[in-house]
Amino acid sequence: MEDIVLSKLDMVLDQYPNCCRCDQCRRDIAILALNHLPARYSSTAKGEIFNRVQAMSLEYEVEVIQQIAKAIEIVSQHPRHAPKTQA
């Protein structure tokens, strides 16, 4: 699941040009999105293949993108660092 969220993160962040992209905010966005997505565990190769096929579905991709967008909104409003000042 981490790989899927991280692979979509930059694409979704491009829709939010005012969002901070520092390492701390990127981690917070990814973690918050992951916390709101269902875990996908498997103990067999067959289960792993099933999870990967399911992750490629459009419905699943939309859910991942929605959770990333929600996380961006939250982290943008409440970053865990001081606001950057413009020179």
Protein backbone atom coordinates (compact mmCIF):
# COMPACT_ATOMS: atom_id res chain seq x y z
CA MET A 1 0.00 0.00 0.00
CA GLU A 2 2.88 2.33 0.75
CA ASP A 3 4.24 1.92 -2.75
CA ILE A 4 0.87 2.79 -4.27
CA VAL A 5 0.42 5.93 -2.16
CA LEU A 6 3.98 7.09 -2.81
CA SER A 7 3.60 6.50 -6.55
CA LYS A 8 0.48 8.74 -6.64
CA LEU A 9 1.66 11.39 -4.19
CA ASP A 10 3.46 13.69 -6.65
CA MET A 11 0.60 13.55 -9.14
CA VAL A 12 -1.90 14.66 -6.51
CA LEU A 13 0.48 17.24 -5.03
CA ASP A 14 0.69 18.86 -8.47
CA GLN A 15 -2.97 19.83 -8.01
CA TYR A 16 -2.04 21.77 -4.84
CA PRO A 17 0.68 24.26 -5.83
CA ASN A 18 0.56 26.06 -2.46
CA CYS A 19 1.10 22.89 -0.43
CA CYS A 20 4.48 22.53 1.26
CA ARG A 21 6.54 19.73 -0.28
CA CYS A 22 9.21 19.39 2.38
CA ASP A 23 10.14 15.88 3.52
CA GLN A 24 8.20 16.26 6.78
CA CYS A 25 4.96 17.30 5.05
CA ARG A 26 5.31 14.61 2.36
CA ARG A 27 5.73 11.95 5.07
CA ASP A 28 2.79 13.31 7.04
CA ILE A 29 0.57 13.30 3.94
CA ALA A 30 1.53 9.74 3.02
CA ILE A 31 1.08 8.45 6.58
CA LEU A 32 -2.28 10.17 7.02
CA ALA A 33 -3.53 8.76 3.71
CA LEU A 34 -2.28 5.28 4.61
CA ASN A 35 -4.04 5.45 7.98
CA HIS A 36 -7.36 5.96 6.16
CA LEU A 37 -6.89 3.20 3.59
CA PRO A 38 -7.55 -0.47 4.28
CA ALA A 39 -4.49 -2.60 4.94
CA ARG A 40 -3.73 -5.25 2.33
CA TYR A 41 -1.76 -8.15 3.78
CA SER A 42 -0.95 -11.45 2.16
CA SER A 43 1.08 -14.45 3.20
CA THR A 44 1.21 -16.27 -0.11
CA ALA A 45 2.31 -15.46 -3.64
CA LYS A 46 -1.27 -15.99 -4.81
CA GLY A 47 -2.52 -13.47 -2.23
CA GLU A 48 0.13 -10.98 -3.28
CA ILE A 49 -0.95 -11.28 -6.92
CA PHE A 50 -4.59 -10.80 -5.94
CA ASN A 51 -3.71 -7.65 -3.96
CA ARG A 52 -1.73 -6.22 -6.87
CA VAL A 53 -4.54 -6.88 -9.36
CA GLN A 54 -7.05 -5.28 -7.02
CA ALA A 55 -4.74 -2.27 -6.54
CA MET A 56 -4.77 -1.70 -10.29
CA SER A 57 -8.56 -1.27 -10.41
CA LEU A 58 -9.91 2.19 -11.16
CA GLU A 59 -12.12 2.18 -8.07
CA TYR A 60 -9.16 1.44 -5.83
CA GLU A 61 -7.02 4.10 -7.52
CA VAL A 62 -9.75 6.70 -6.99
CA GLU A 63 -9.94 5.82 -3.29
CA VAL A 64 -6.16 6.22 -2.92
CA ILE A 65 -6.20 9.59 -4.70
CA GLN A 66 -9.13 10.81 -2.56
CA GLN A 67 -7.34 9.88 0.66
CA ILE A 68 -4.14 11.61 -0.50
CA ALA A 69 -6.12 14.75 -1.37
CA LYS A 70 -7.82 14.75 2.05
CA ALA A 71 -4.44 14.30 3.73
CA ILE A 72 -2.97 17.21 1.73
CA GLU A 73 -5.80 19.46 2.89
CA ILE A 74 -5.25 18.52 6.54
CA VAL A 75 -1.45 18.78 6.46
CA SER A 76 -1.61 22.09 4.56
CA GLN A 77 -3.85 23.53 7.25
CA HIS A 78 -1.81 22.11 10.13
CA PRO A 79 1.84 21.60 9.11
CA ARG A 80 4.13 20.32 11.85
CA HIS A 81 6.72 23.02 11.16
CA ALA A 82 6.84 26.80 11.25
CA PRO A 83 5.46 28.55 8.16
CA LYS A 84 8.10 29.47 5.62
CA THR A 85 8.69 33.18 5.22
CA GLN A 86 9.12 34.70 1.80
CA ALA A 87 12.19 36.86 1.25
